[in-house]
PDB file of N, CA and C in Angstrom:
ATOM      1  N   UNK A   1      -2.351 -12.302  -0.603  1.00  0.00           N
ATOM      2  CA  UNK A   1      -3.763 -12.201  -0.345  1.00  0.00           C
ATOM      3  C   UNK A   1      -4.197 -10.995   0.700  1.00  0.00           C
ATOM      4  N   UNK A   2      -3.066 -10.355   1.411  1.00  0.00           N
ATOM      5  CA  UNK A   2      -3.406  -9.655   2.433  1.00  0.00           C
ATOM      6  C   UNK A   2      -3.402  -8.290   1.539  1.00  0.00           C
ATOM      7  N   UNK A   3      -2.661  -8.035   0.496  1.00  0.00           N
ATOM      8  CA  UNK A   3      -2.376  -6.748  -0.273  1.00  0.00           C
ATOM      9  C   UNK A   3      -3.691  -6.564  -1.172  1.00  0.00           C
ATOM     10  N   UNK A   4      -4.423  -7.829  -1.380  1.00  0.00           N
ATOM     11  CA  UNK A   4      -5.659  -7.743  -2.333  1.00  0.00           C
ATOM     12  C   UNK A   4      -6.929  -7.681  -1.367  1.00  0.00           C
ATOM     13  N   UNK A   5      -6.774  -8.332  -0.297  1.00  0.00           N
ATOM     14  CA  UNK A   5      -7.837  -8.280   0.712  1.00  0.00           C
ATOM     15  C   UNK A   5      -7.831  -7.010   1.524  1.00  0.00           C
ATOM     16  N   UNK A   6      -6.660  -6.734   2.290  1.00  0.00           N
ATOM     17  CA  UNK A   6      -6.761  -5.524   3.220  1.00  0.00           C
ATOM     18  C   UNK A   6      -5.460  -4.681   2.608  1.00  0.00           C
ATOM     19  N   UNK A   7      -5.703  -3.856   1.989  1.00  0.00           N
ATOM     20  CA  UNK A   7      -4.288  -2.551   1.404  1.00  0.00           C
ATOM     21  C   UNK A   7      -3.760  -1.978   2.685  1.00  0.00           C
ATOM     22  N   UNK A   8      -4.573  -1.610   3.646  1.00  0.00           N
ATOM     23  CA  UNK A   8      -4.178  -0.860   4.700  1.00  0.00           C
ATOM     24  C   UNK A   8      -3.016  -1.464   5.548  1.00  0.00           C
ATOM     25  N   UNK A   9      -3.194  -2.818   5.581  1.00  0.00           N
ATOM     26  CA  UNK A   9      -2.040  -3.763   6.521  1.00  0.00           C
ATOM     27  C   UNK A   9      -1.522  -4.573   5.459  1.00  0.00           C
ATOM     28  N   UNK A  10      -0.956  -4.275   4.283  1.00  0.00           N
ATOM     29  CA  UNK A  10      -0.200  -4.912   3.321  1.00  0.00           C
ATOM     30  C   UNK A  10       1.197  -4.561   3.519  1.00  0.00           C
ATOM     31  N   UNK A  11       2.055  -5.252   3.935  1.00  0.00           N
ATOM     32  CA  UNK A  11       3.250  -5.073   4.040  1.00  0.00           C
ATOM     33  C   UNK A  11       4.057  -5.160   2.786  1.00  0.00           C
ATOM     34  N   UNK A  12       4.579  -4.111   2.163  1.00  0.00           N
ATOM     35  CA  UNK A  12       4.971  -4.297   0.789  1.00  0.00           C
ATOM     36  C   UNK A  12       6.706  -3.802   0.950  1.00  0.00           C
ATOM     37  N   UNK A  13       7.211  -4.818   1.560  1.00  0.00           N
ATOM     38  CA  UNK A  13       8.819  -4.555   1.995  1.00  0.00           C
ATOM     39  C   UNK A  13       9.321  -5.341   0.523  1.00  0.00           C
ATOM     40  N   UNK A  14       9.182  -6.238   0.135  1.00  0.00           N
ATOM     41  CA  UNK A  14       9.665  -6.650  -1.144  1.00  0.00           C
ATOM     42  C   UNK A  14       9.125  -6.070  -2.346  1.00  0.00           C
ATOM     43  N   UNK A  15       7.983  -5.903  -2.459  1.00  0.00           N
ATOM     44  CA  UNK A  15       7.329  -4.890  -3.685  1.00  0.00           C
ATOM     45  C   UNK A  15       7.499  -3.694  -3.438  1.00  0.00           C
ATOM     46  N   UNK A  16       7.609  -2.878  -4.684  1.00  0.00           N
ATOM     47  CA  UNK A  16       7.487  -1.301  -4.481  1.00  0.00           C
ATOM     48  C   UNK A  16       5.986  -1.148  -4.221  1.00  0.00           C
ATOM     49  N   UNK A  17       5.991   0.228  -3.204  1.00  0.00           N
ATOM     50  CA  UNK A  17       4.326   0.676  -3.194  1.00  0.00           C
ATOM     51  C   UNK A  17       3.950   1.247  -4.315  1.00  0.00           C
ATOM     52  N   UNK A  18       2.329   0.541  -4.507  1.00  0.00           N
ATOM     53  CA  UNK A  18       1.838   0.890  -5.783  1.00  0.00           C
ATOM     54  C   UNK A  18       1.026   2.106  -5.480  1.00  0.00           C
ATOM     55  N   UNK A  19       0.270   2.664  -6.221  1.00  0.00           N
ATOM     56  CA  UNK A  19      -0.495   3.830  -6.004  1.00  0.00           C
ATOM     57  C   UNK A  19      -1.682   3.604  -5.231  1.00  0.00           C
ATOM     58  N   UNK A  20      -1.929   2.352  -5.439  1.00  0.00           N
ATOM     59  CA  UNK A  20      -3.299   1.918  -4.745  1.00  0.00           C
ATOM     60  C   UNK A  20      -2.746   1.740  -3.113  1.00  0.00           C
ATOM     61  N   UNK A  21      -1.775   1.127  -2.878  1.00  0.00           N
ATOM     62  CA  UNK A  21      -1.342   0.854  -1.668  1.00  0.00           C
ATOM     63  C   UNK A  21      -0.694   2.031  -1.213  1.00  0.00           C
ATOM     64  N   UNK A  22      -0.553   3.097  -1.727  1.00  0.00           N
ATOM     65  CA  UNK A  22       0.332   4.279  -1.263  1.00  0.00           C
ATOM     66  C   UNK A  22      -0.817   5.122  -0.294  1.00  0.00           C
ATOM     67  N   UNK A  23      -1.955   5.328  -0.792  1.00  0.00           N
ATOM     68  CA  UNK A  23      -3.057   5.862   0.007  1.00  0.00           C
ATOM     69  C   UNK A  23      -3.660   5.183   0.974  1.00  0.00           C
ATOM     70  N   UNK A  24      -3.613   3.663   0.542  1.00  0.00           N
ATOM     71  CA  UNK A  24      -4.078   2.747   1.390  1.00  0.00           C
ATOM     72  C   UNK A  24      -3.516   2.365   2.630  1.00  0.00           C
ATOM     73  N   UNK A  25      -2.041   2.436   2.398  1.00  0.00           N
ATOM     74  CA  UNK A  25      -1.136   2.043   3.380  1.00  0.00           C
ATOM     75  C   UNK A  25      -0.985   2.959   4.564  1.00  0.00           C
ATOM     76  N   UNK A  26       0.026   2.648   5.527  1.00  0.00           N
ATOM     77  CA  UNK A  26       0.116   3.629   6.518  1.00  0.00           C
ATOM     78  C   UNK A  26       0.775   4.903   6.118  1.00  0.00           C
ATOM     79  N   UNK A  27       1.399   4.886   4.758  1.00  0.00           N
ATOM     80  CA  UNK A  27       1.989   6.130   4.354  1.00  0.00           C
ATOM     81  C   UNK A  27       1.204   7.105   3.600  1.00  0.00           C
ATOM     82  N   UNK A  28       1.359   8.288   3.624  1.00  0.00           N
ATOM     83  CA  UNK A  28       0.431   9.319   2.983  1.00  0.00           C
ATOM     84  C   UNK A  28       0.739   9.377   1.767  1.00  0.00           C
ATOM     85  N   UNK A  29      -0.371   9.833   0.733  1.00  0.00           N
ATOM     86  CA  UNK A  29      -0.176   9.926  -0.735  1.00  0.00           C
ATOM     87  C   UNK A  29       0.869  10.804  -1.242  1.00  0.00           C
ATOM     88  N   UNK A  30       1.992  10.137  -1.977  1.00  0.00           N
ATOM     89  CA  UNK A  30       3.165  10.704  -2.579  1.00  0.00           C
ATOM     90  C   UNK A  30       2.520  11.541  -3.644  1.00  0.00           C
ATOM     91  N   UNK A  31       1.622  11.169  -4.449  1.00  0.00           N
ATOM     92  CA  UNK A  31       1.382  11.981  -5.813  1.00  0.00           C
ATOM     93  C   UNK A  31       0.493  13.078  -5.396  1.00  0.00           C
ATOM     94  N   UNK A  32      -0.217  12.977  -4.063  1.00  0.00           N
ATOM     95  CA  UNK A  32      -1.009  14.213  -3.721  1.00  0.00           C
ATOM     96  C   UNK A  32       0.022  15.228  -2.741  1.00  0.00           C
TER      97      UNK A  32
END
């Protein structure tokens, strides 16, 4: 629910970082 509610604080440790979670996460956009 956290990944859908708040993408910036969604801990994706078990799941691979999606494009939406890439820019919304603490990490910079890898595609840009």
